[in-house]
Amino acid sequence: MSSWIHYMPDIQNLKYDISGLTTLKDEGIKEIGSRLEDLGNLIKIELKLGDLTSMTERGFYWLVGGLKSQKNICEIHLDLSNWSKLSSIGLSDNFSILFEGLPYVQKMIINLSLIPTMDNKTLTACFKNLKKMNSLQNLSIKVAKCVALTNQAIIDVGTSLAAMPSLAYLACDFSGLPQTDDKMVKGFALALKKAKKLTNLALNLSSNLNLTKNSIEKLLEACNGIKSLVYLEADFSKCELIRTNCVKLTDYLIYM
């Protein structure tokens, strides 16, 4: 399936989409991981692996090994959405290994939406080593519809993000989290006050049915404490308890 990679050893930009192959087993991902080790000049890689519902932590481990072998890579897009058989330990351990092994990556997009085993402990453990990515400036995290997550997990992620030394652009998709409320928004934004270089923040908070207008007020209040921040975008659409029109302020764009 990925044997063609072997014949392109000097490729610098790789986009690979096998999303939706629900019958693909761990051995298929092992083949991809081993082929990646043959590529020494990759600068950017996009792996769309969503809805591979037969994958387990064994497949993820082999994939992480292939990604870690890339010493020149600057940008990674990784979609693992709806990997429904991933264990909590398999998620957290492999992400810790991945982040520790990629100190030179400058941009990363990670989609972990719709993973049923993604609970508070797992999410916190997944991102504990983000601070070791010294060169990472642009980060996008998606954990939409991970229904087991609560306020504390999102706040803990904010603490990990604030410890990243070079982070300037941050986008987070926290939509569709039924166990969260206004405390999540306030706590996450307050945690980011310690982010020294953060200039741009985009938050997707749509379809969180427990959020009220207080979330908007607390978000703006907390973000005013982020001294480096110059742009804030927040999506509050389909938050049924917020019943006002779109509000535009000088430096903020809030969607409802």
C-alpha atoms as a PDB file:
ATOM      1  CA  MET A   1       0.000   0.000   0.000  1.00  0.00           C
ATOM      2  CA  SER A   2       2.833   2.405   0.777  1.00  0.00           C
ATOM      3  CA  SER A   3       5.620   0.693  -1.171  1.00  0.00           C
ATOM      4  CA  TRP A   4       5.814   3.635  -3.578  1.00  0.00           C
ATOM      5  CA  ILE A   5       7.362   5.724  -0.786  1.00  0.00           C
ATOM      6  CA  HIS A   6      10.491   3.595  -1.060  1.00  0.00           C
ATOM      7  CA  TYR A   7      11.094   4.931  -4.584  1.00  0.00           C
ATOM      8  CA  MET A   8      10.903   8.608  -3.563  1.00  0.00           C
ATOM      9  CA  PRO A   9      13.617   8.905  -0.903  1.00  0.00           C
ATOM     10  CA  ASP A  10      14.198  12.623  -1.492  1.00  0.00           C
ATOM     11  CA  ILE A  11      10.575  13.754  -1.201  1.00  0.00           C
ATOM     12  CA  GLN A  12      10.134  16.801   1.059  1.00  0.00           C
ATOM     13  CA  ASN A  13       6.336  17.236   1.188  1.00  0.00           C
ATOM     14  CA  LEU A  14       4.104  14.205   1.748  1.00  0.00           C
ATOM     15  CA  LYS A  15       0.305  14.139   1.957  1.00  0.00           C
ATOM     16  CA  TYR A  16      -1.174  10.709   2.616  1.00  0.00           C
ATOM     17  CA  ASP A  17      -4.933  10.139   2.952  1.00  0.00           C
ATOM     18  CA  ILE A  18      -6.254   6.709   3.835  1.00  0.00           C
ATOM     19  CA  SER A  19      -9.069   7.885   6.088  1.00  0.00           C
ATOM     20  CA  GLY A  20     -12.153   5.701   6.297  1.00  0.00           C
ATOM     21  CA  LEU A  21     -10.414   2.361   5.700  1.00  0.00           C
ATOM     22  CA  THR A  22     -12.234   0.675   8.568  1.00  0.00           C
ATOM     23  CA  THR A  23     -10.801  -2.775   7.809  1.00  0.00           C
ATOM     24  CA  LEU A  24      -7.146  -1.659   7.888  1.00  0.00           C
ATOM     25  CA  LYS A  25      -5.281  -3.421  10.698  1.00  0.00           C
ATOM     26  CA  ASP A  26      -2.247  -2.421  12.759  1.00  0.00           C
ATOM     27  CA  GLU A  27       0.104  -4.113  10.309  1.00  0.00           C
ATOM     28  CA  GLY A  28      -0.945  -1.638   7.609  1.00  0.00           C
ATOM     29  CA  ILE A  29       0.114   1.274   9.788  1.00  0.00           C
ATOM     30  CA  LYS A  30       3.332  -0.570  10.663  1.00  0.00           C
ATOM     31  CA  GLU A  31       4.156  -0.639   6.942  1.00  0.00           C
ATOM     32  CA  ILE A  32       3.586   3.124   6.691  1.00  0.00           C
ATOM     33  CA  GLY A  33       5.753   3.776   9.742  1.00  0.00           C
ATOM     34  CA  SER A  34       8.607   1.650   8.426  1.00  0.00           C
ATOM     35  CA  ARG A  35       8.435   3.321   5.016  1.00  0.00           C
ATOM     36  CA  LEU A  36       8.638   6.755   6.642  1.00  0.00           C
ATOM     37  CA  GLU A  37      11.973   5.734   8.127  1.00  0.00           C
ATOM     38  CA  ASP A  38      13.325   5.548   4.555  1.00  0.00           C
ATOM     39  CA  LEU A  39      12.610   9.244   4.014  1.00  0.00           C
ATOM     40  CA  GLY A  40      15.348  11.468   5.376  1.00  0.00           C
ATOM     41  CA  ASN A  41      14.435  14.798   3.775  1.00  0.00           C
ATOM     42  CA  LEU A  42      10.802  15.297   4.771  1.00  0.00           C
ATOM     43  CA  ILE A  43       9.947  18.878   5.728  1.00  0.00           C
ATOM     44  CA  LYS A  44       6.142  18.602   5.849  1.00  0.00           C
ATOM     45  CA  ILE A  45       3.839  15.600   6.293  1.00  0.00           C
ATOM     46  CA  GLU A  46       0.046  15.356   6.324  1.00  0.00           C
ATOM     47  CA  LEU A  47      -1.400  12.044   7.480  1.00  0.00           C
ATOM     48  CA  LYS A  48      -5.171  11.784   7.203  1.00  0.00           C
ATOM     49  CA  LEU A  49      -5.938   8.614   9.105  1.00  0.00           C
ATOM     50  CA  GLY A  50      -9.409   9.383  10.438  1.00  0.00           C
ATOM     51  CA  ASP A  51     -12.001   6.649  10.960  1.00  0.00           C
ATOM     52  CA  LEU A  52      -9.464   3.810  10.994  1.00  0.00           C
ATOM     53  CA  THR A  53     -11.665   2.104  13.549  1.00  0.00           C
ATOM     54  CA  SER A  54      -9.665  -1.149  13.620  1.00  0.00           C
ATOM     55  CA  MET A  55      -6.449   0.534  14.793  1.00  0.00           C
ATOM     56  CA  THR A  56      -5.038  -0.104  18.268  1.00  0.00           C
ATOM     57  CA  GLU A  57      -2.105   1.324  20.202  1.00  0.00           C
ATOM     58  CA  ARG A  58       0.234  -1.122  18.404  1.00  0.00           C
ATOM     59  CA  GLY A  59      -0.431   0.617  15.109  1.00  0.00           C
ATOM     60  CA  PHE A  60      -0.008   4.030  16.688  1.00  0.00           C
ATOM     61  CA  TYR A  61       3.312   2.959  18.231  1.00  0.00           C
ATOM     62  CA  TRP A  62       4.696   2.001  14.810  1.00  0.00           C
ATOM     63  CA  LEU A  63       3.435   5.245  13.302  1.00  0.00           C
ATOM     64  CA  VAL A  64       5.137   7.279  16.049  1.00  0.00           C
ATOM     65  CA  GLY A  65       8.385   5.436  15.334  1.00  0.00           C
ATOM     66  CA  GLY A  66       8.244   6.501  11.691  1.00  0.00           C
ATOM     67  CA  LEU A  67       7.503  10.124  12.579  1.00  0.00           C
ATOM     68  CA  LYS A  68      10.284  10.291  15.168  1.00  0.00           C
ATOM     69  CA  SER A  69      12.793   9.204  12.530  1.00  0.00           C
ATOM     70  CA  GLN A  70      12.245  12.498  10.678  1.00  0.00           C
ATOM     71  CA  LYS A  71      15.053  14.795  11.820  1.00  0.00           C
ATOM     72  CA  ASN A  72      14.393  17.635   9.357  1.00  0.00           C
ATOM     73  CA  ILE A  73      10.619  17.832   9.597  1.00  0.00           C
ATOM     74  CA  CYS A  74       9.097  21.240  10.363  1.00  0.00           C
ATOM     75  CA  GLU A  75       5.357  20.656   9.954  1.00  0.00           C
ATOM     76  CA  ILE A  76       3.097  17.730  10.898  1.00  0.00           C
ATOM     77  CA  HIS A  77      -0.637  17.266  10.328  1.00  0.00           C
ATOM     78  CA  LEU A  78      -1.955  14.163  12.103  1.00  0.00           C
ATOM     79  CA  ASP A  79      -5.605  13.096  11.994  1.00  0.00           C
ATOM     80  CA  LEU A  80      -6.449  10.196  14.300  1.00  0.00           C
ATOM     81  CA  SER A  81     -10.119  11.071  14.727  1.00  0.00           C
ATOM     82  CA  ASN A  82     -12.463   8.218  15.629  1.00  0.00           C
ATOM     83  CA  TRP A  83      -9.739   5.672  16.374  1.00  0.00           C
ATOM     84  CA  SER A  84     -12.264   3.974  18.602  1.00  0.00           C
ATOM     85  CA  LYS A  85     -10.068   1.029  19.687  1.00  0.00           C
ATOM     86  CA  LEU A  86      -7.148   3.102  20.991  1.00  0.00           C
ATOM     87  CA  SER A  87      -6.594   2.467  24.686  1.00  0.00           C
ATOM     88  CA  SER A  88      -6.011   5.331  27.113  1.00  0.00           C
ATOM     89  CA  ILE A  89      -2.468   4.161  27.859  1.00  0.00           C
ATOM     90  CA  GLY A  90      -1.714   3.699  24.169  1.00  0.00           C
ATOM     91  CA  LEU A  91      -2.754   7.275  23.491  1.00  0.00           C
ATOM     92  CA  SER A  92      -0.940   8.996  26.332  1.00  0.00           C
ATOM     93  CA  ASP A  93       2.317   7.032  26.204  1.00  0.00           C
ATOM     94  CA  ASN A  94       2.757   7.357  22.454  1.00  0.00           C
ATOM     95  CA  PHE A  95       2.000  11.076  22.365  1.00  0.00           C
ATOM     96  CA  SER A  96       4.497  11.690  25.147  1.00  0.00           C
ATOM     97  CA  ILE A  97       7.121   9.824  23.110  1.00  0.00           C
ATOM     98  CA  LEU A  98       6.184  11.681  19.927  1.00  0.00           C
ATOM     99  CA  PHE A  99       6.394  15.181  21.424  1.00  0.00           C
ATOM    100  CA  GLU A 100       9.684  14.430  23.143  1.00  0.00           C
ATOM    101  CA  GLY A 101      11.170  13.169  19.886  1.00  0.00           C
ATOM    102  CA  LEU A 102      10.289  16.141  17.676  1.00  0.00           C
ATOM    103  CA  PRO A 103      12.041  19.178  19.152  1.00  0.00           C
ATOM    104  CA  TYR A 104      12.432  20.995  15.815  1.00  0.00           C
ATOM    105  CA  VAL A 105       8.827  20.957  14.547  1.00  0.00           C
ATOM    106  CA  GLN A 106       7.456  24.491  14.088  1.00  0.00           C
ATOM    107  CA  LYS A 107       3.825  23.752  13.153  1.00  0.00           C
ATOM    108  CA  MET A 108       1.545  20.911  14.213  1.00  0.00           C
ATOM    109  CA  ILE A 109      -2.125  20.055  13.677  1.00  0.00           C
ATOM    110  CA  ILE A 110      -3.527  17.193  15.761  1.00  0.00           C
ATOM    111  CA  ASN A 111      -7.078  15.863  15.409  1.00  0.00           C
ATOM    112  CA  LEU A 112      -8.174  13.591  18.257  1.00  0.00           C
ATOM    113  CA  SER A 113     -11.900  14.158  17.895  1.00  0.00           C
ATOM    114  CA  LEU A 114     -14.456  11.426  18.522  1.00  0.00           C
ATOM    115  CA  ILE A 115     -12.076   9.131  20.433  1.00  0.00           C
ATOM    116  CA  PRO A 116     -14.242   7.430  23.090  1.00  0.00           C
ATOM    117  CA  THR A 117     -11.303   6.528  25.365  1.00  0.00           C
ATOM    118  CA  MET A 118     -10.189  10.162  25.591  1.00  0.00           C
ATOM    119  CA  ASP A 119     -10.881  11.008  29.235  1.00  0.00           C
ATOM    120  CA  ASN A 120      -9.382  13.632  31.560  1.00  0.00           C
ATOM    121  CA  LYS A 121      -6.356  11.617  32.638  1.00  0.00           C
ATOM    122  CA  THR A 122      -5.551  10.566  29.081  1.00  0.00           C
ATOM    123  CA  LEU A 123      -5.776  14.052  27.581  1.00  0.00           C
ATOM    124  CA  THR A 124      -3.611  15.551  30.312  1.00  0.00           C
ATOM    125  CA  ALA A 125      -1.000  12.817  29.851  1.00  0.00           C
ATOM    126  CA  CYS A 126      -1.036  13.195  26.045  1.00  0.00           C
ATOM    127  CA  PHE A 127       0.081  16.806  26.193  1.00  0.00           C
ATOM    128  CA  LYS A 128       2.375  16.820  29.210  1.00  0.00           C
ATOM    129  CA  ASN A 129       5.501  16.792  27.011  1.00  0.00           C
ATOM    130  CA  LEU A 130       4.424  19.648  24.741  1.00  0.00           C
ATOM    131  CA  LYS A 131       6.755  21.966  26.643  1.00  0.00           C
ATOM    132  CA  LYS A 132       9.686  19.968  25.266  1.00  0.00           C
ATOM    133  CA  MET A 133       8.852  21.095  21.712  1.00  0.00           C
ATOM    134  CA  ASN A 134      11.049  24.169  21.920  1.00  0.00           C
ATOM    135  CA  SER A 135      10.564  25.283  18.312  1.00  0.00           C
ATOM    136  CA  LEU A 136       6.786  24.822  18.028  1.00  0.00           C
ATOM    137  CA  GLN A 137       5.187  28.169  17.129  1.00  0.00           C
ATOM    138  CA  ASN A 138       1.874  27.166  15.548  1.00  0.00           C
ATOM    139  CA  LEU A 139      -0.385  24.517  17.101  1.00  0.00           C
ATOM    140  CA  SER A 140      -3.899  23.303  16.387  1.00  0.00           C
ATOM    141  CA  ILE A 141      -5.595  20.787  18.705  1.00  0.00           C
ATOM    142  CA  LYS A 142      -8.976  19.191  18.028  1.00  0.00           C
ATOM    143  CA  VAL A 143     -10.757  17.117  20.673  1.00  0.00           C
ATOM    144  CA  ALA A 144     -14.320  17.750  19.503  1.00  0.00           C
ATOM    145  CA  LYS A 145     -17.016  15.379  20.754  1.00  0.00           C
ATOM    146  CA  CYS A 146     -14.727  13.545  23.157  1.00  0.00           C
ATOM    147  CA  VAL A 147     -17.697  13.278  25.473  1.00  0.00           C
ATOM    148  CA  ALA A 148     -15.838  12.024  28.573  1.00  0.00           C
ATOM    149  CA  LEU A 149     -13.818  15.249  28.942  1.00  0.00           C
ATOM    150  CA  THR A 150     -14.665  17.706  31.724  1.00  0.00           C
ATOM    151  CA  ASN A 151     -13.569  21.222  32.684  1.00  0.00           C
ATOM    152  CA  GLN A 152     -10.415  20.103  34.476  1.00  0.00           C
ATOM    153  CA  ALA A 153      -8.931  18.331  31.449  1.00  0.00           C
ATOM    154  CA  ILE A 154      -9.220  21.441  29.271  1.00  0.00           C
ATOM    155  CA  ILE A 155      -7.765  23.639  32.027  1.00  0.00           C
ATOM    156  CA  ASP A 156      -4.829  21.226  32.434  1.00  0.00           C
ATOM    157  CA  VAL A 157      -4.193  21.385  28.679  1.00  0.00           C
ATOM    158  CA  GLY A 158      -4.115  25.165  28.959  1.00  0.00           C
ATOM    159  CA  THR A 159      -1.436  24.887  31.628  1.00  0.00           C
ATOM    160  CA  SER A 160       0.664  22.638  29.364  1.00  0.00           C
ATOM    161  CA  LEU A 161       0.245  25.004  26.415  1.00  0.00           C
ATOM    162  CA  ALA A 162       1.261  28.022  28.482  1.00  0.00           C
ATOM    163  CA  ALA A 163       4.573  26.310  29.302  1.00  0.00           C
ATOM    164  CA  MET A 164       5.565  26.073  25.632  1.00  0.00           C
ATOM    165  CA  PRO A 165       8.463  28.486  25.093  1.00  0.00           C
ATOM    166  CA  SER A 166       7.796  29.522  21.468  1.00  0.00           C
ATOM    167  CA  LEU A 167       4.030  29.143  20.985  1.00  0.00           C
ATOM    168  CA  ALA A 168       2.561  32.138  19.130  1.00  0.00           C
ATOM    169  CA  TYR A 169      -0.454  30.801  17.199  1.00  0.00           C
ATOM    170  CA  LEU A 170      -2.946  28.501  18.917  1.00  0.00           C
ATOM    171  CA  ALA A 171      -6.228  27.038  17.668  1.00  0.00           C
ATOM    172  CA  CYS A 172      -8.303  24.681  19.811  1.00  0.00           C
ATOM    173  CA  ASP A 173     -11.511  22.838  18.957  1.00  0.00           C
ATOM    174  CA  PHE A 174     -13.363  22.096  22.188  1.00  0.00           C
ATOM    175  CA  SER A 175     -16.784  21.807  20.570  1.00  0.00           C
ATOM    176  CA  GLY A 176     -19.413  19.301  21.591  1.00  0.00           C
ATOM    177  CA  LEU A 177     -18.141  18.561  25.118  1.00  0.00           C
ATOM    178  CA  PRO A 178     -21.338  17.974  27.127  1.00  0.00           C
ATOM    179  CA  GLN A 179     -19.658  17.809  30.553  1.00  0.00           C
ATOM    180  CA  THR A 180     -18.087  21.271  30.354  1.00  0.00           C
ATOM    181  CA  ASP A 181     -19.439  24.675  31.393  1.00  0.00           C
ATOM    182  CA  ASP A 182     -18.347  28.295  31.946  1.00  0.00           C
ATOM    183  CA  LYS A 183     -15.563  27.197  34.314  1.00  0.00           C
ATOM    184  CA  MET A 184     -13.790  25.499  31.414  1.00  0.00           C
ATOM    185  CA  VAL A 185     -13.600  28.690  29.358  1.00  0.00           C
ATOM    186  CA  LYS A 186     -12.467  30.839  32.262  1.00  0.00           C
ATOM    187  CA  GLY A 187      -9.918  28.323  33.553  1.00  0.00           C
ATOM    188  CA  PHE A 188      -8.407  27.638  30.140  1.00  0.00           C
ATOM    189  CA  ALA A 189      -7.992  31.334  29.349  1.00  0.00           C
ATOM    190  CA  LEU A 190      -6.536  32.090  32.791  1.00  0.00           C
ATOM    191  CA  ALA A 191      -4.011  29.278  32.340  1.00  0.00           C
ATOM    192  CA  LEU A 192      -2.858  30.877  29.092  1.00  0.00           C
ATOM    193  CA  LYS A 193      -1.945  34.094  30.911  1.00  0.00           C
ATOM    194  CA  LYS A 194       1.463  32.506  31.502  1.00  0.00           C
ATOM    195  CA  ALA A 195       2.040  32.065  27.753  1.00  0.00           C
ATOM    196  CA  LYS A 196       4.782  34.598  27.054  1.00  0.00           C
ATOM    197  CA  LYS A 197       4.686  34.731  23.240  1.00  0.00           C
ATOM    198  CA  LEU A 198       1.059  33.910  22.364  1.00  0.00           C
ATOM    199  CA  THR A 199      -0.250  36.429  19.814  1.00  0.00           C
ATOM    200  CA  ASN A 200      -3.179  34.665  18.114  1.00  0.00           C
ATOM    201  CA  LEU A 201      -5.852  32.512  19.757  1.00  0.00           C
ATOM    202  CA  ALA A 202      -8.798  30.802  18.026  1.00  0.00           C
ATOM    203  CA  LEU A 203     -11.291  28.748  20.038  1.00  0.00           C
ATOM    204  CA  ASN A 204     -14.150  26.616  18.754  1.00  0.00           C
ATOM    205  CA  LEU A 205     -16.584  26.302  21.660  1.00  0.00           C
ATOM    206  CA  SER A 206     -19.673  25.591  19.585  1.00  0.00           C
ATOM    207  CA  SER A 207     -22.346  23.086  20.592  1.00  0.00           C
ATOM    208  CA  ASN A 208     -21.412  23.253  24.279  1.00  0.00           C
ATOM    209  CA  LEU A 209     -24.897  23.414  25.709  1.00  0.00           C
ATOM    210  CA  ASN A 210     -23.896  24.454  29.246  1.00  0.00           C
ATOM    211  CA  LEU A 211     -22.075  27.634  28.247  1.00  0.00           C
ATOM    212  CA  THR A 212     -23.722  30.963  29.075  1.00  0.00           C
ATOM    213  CA  LYS A 213     -22.985  34.574  28.253  1.00  0.00           C
ATOM    214  CA  ASN A 214     -20.738  34.546  31.311  1.00  0.00           C
ATOM    215  CA  SER A 215     -18.268  32.492  29.263  1.00  0.00           C
ATOM    216  CA  ILE A 216     -17.819  35.342  26.812  1.00  0.00           C
ATOM    217  CA  GLU A 217     -17.275  37.876  29.576  1.00  0.00           C
ATOM    218  CA  LYS A 218     -14.756  35.681  31.414  1.00  0.00           C
ATOM    219  CA  LEU A 219     -12.927  34.828  28.187  1.00  0.00           C
ATOM    220  CA  LEU A 220     -12.466  38.488  27.302  1.00  0.00           C
ATOM    221  CA  GLU A 221     -11.466  39.339  30.857  1.00  0.00           C
ATOM    222  CA  ALA A 222      -8.880  36.570  31.051  1.00  0.00           C
ATOM    223  CA  CYS A 223      -7.495  37.200  27.561  1.00  0.00           C
ATOM    224  CA  ASN A 224      -6.910  40.835  28.441  1.00  0.00           C
ATOM    225  CA  GLY A 225      -4.350  39.446  30.883  1.00  0.00           C
ATOM    226  CA  ILE A 226      -2.376  37.760  28.081  1.00  0.00           C
ATOM    227  CA  LYS A 227       0.003  40.636  27.403  1.00  0.00           C
ATOM    228  CA  SER A 228       1.238  39.447  24.008  1.00  0.00           C
ATOM    229  CA  LEU A 229      -2.216  38.603  22.568  1.00  0.00           C
ATOM    230  CA  VAL A 230      -3.320  40.721  19.593  1.00  0.00           C
ATOM    231  CA  TYR A 231      -6.068  38.576  18.032  1.00  0.00           C
ATOM    232  CA  LEU A 232      -8.828  36.450  19.550  1.00  0.00           C
ATOM    233  CA  GLU A 233     -11.475  34.488  17.665  1.00  0.00           C
ATOM    234  CA  ALA A 234     -14.087  32.434  19.488  1.00  0.00           C
ATOM    235  CA  ASP A 235     -17.007  30.439  18.091  1.00  0.00           C
ATOM    236  CA  PHE A 236     -20.003  30.128  20.443  1.00  0.00           C
ATOM    237  CA  SER A 237     -22.480  28.996  17.787  1.00  0.00           C
ATOM    238  CA  LYS A 238     -25.130  26.450  18.820  1.00  0.00           C
ATOM    239  CA  CYS A 239     -24.601  27.265  22.498  1.00  0.00           C
ATOM    240  CA  GLU A 240     -28.274  27.346  23.304  1.00  0.00           C
ATOM    241  CA  LEU A 241     -27.973  29.292  26.561  1.00  0.00           C
ATOM    242  CA  ILE A 242     -26.324  32.226  24.773  1.00  0.00           C
ATOM    243  CA  ARG A 243     -29.074  34.223  23.110  1.00  0.00           C
ATOM    244  CA  THR A 244     -27.472  37.394  21.787  1.00  0.00           C
ATOM    245  CA  ASN A 245     -26.335  38.573  18.383  1.00  0.00           C
ATOM    246  CA  CYS A 246     -22.778  38.557  17.051  1.00  0.00           C
ATOM    247  CA  VAL A 247     -20.625  40.989  19.049  1.00  0.00           C
ATOM    248  CA  LYS A 248     -17.664  42.758  17.438  1.00  0.00           C
ATOM    249  CA  LEU A 249     -15.066  44.570  19.519  1.00  0.00           C
ATOM    250  CA  THR A 250     -11.865  46.299  18.462  1.00  0.00           C
ATOM    251  CA  ASP A 251      -9.506  43.354  18.849  1.00  0.00           C
ATOM    252  CA  TYR A 252     -11.919  40.479  19.140  1.00  0.00           C
ATOM    253  CA  LEU A 253     -14.346  38.575  16.959  1.00  0.00           C
ATOM    254  CA  ILE A 254     -16.902  36.510  18.845  1.00  0.00           C
ATOM    255  CA  TYR A 255     -19.333  34.225  17.033  1.00  0.00           C
ATOM    256  CA  MET A 256     -22.630  33.168  18.602  1.00  0.00           C
END
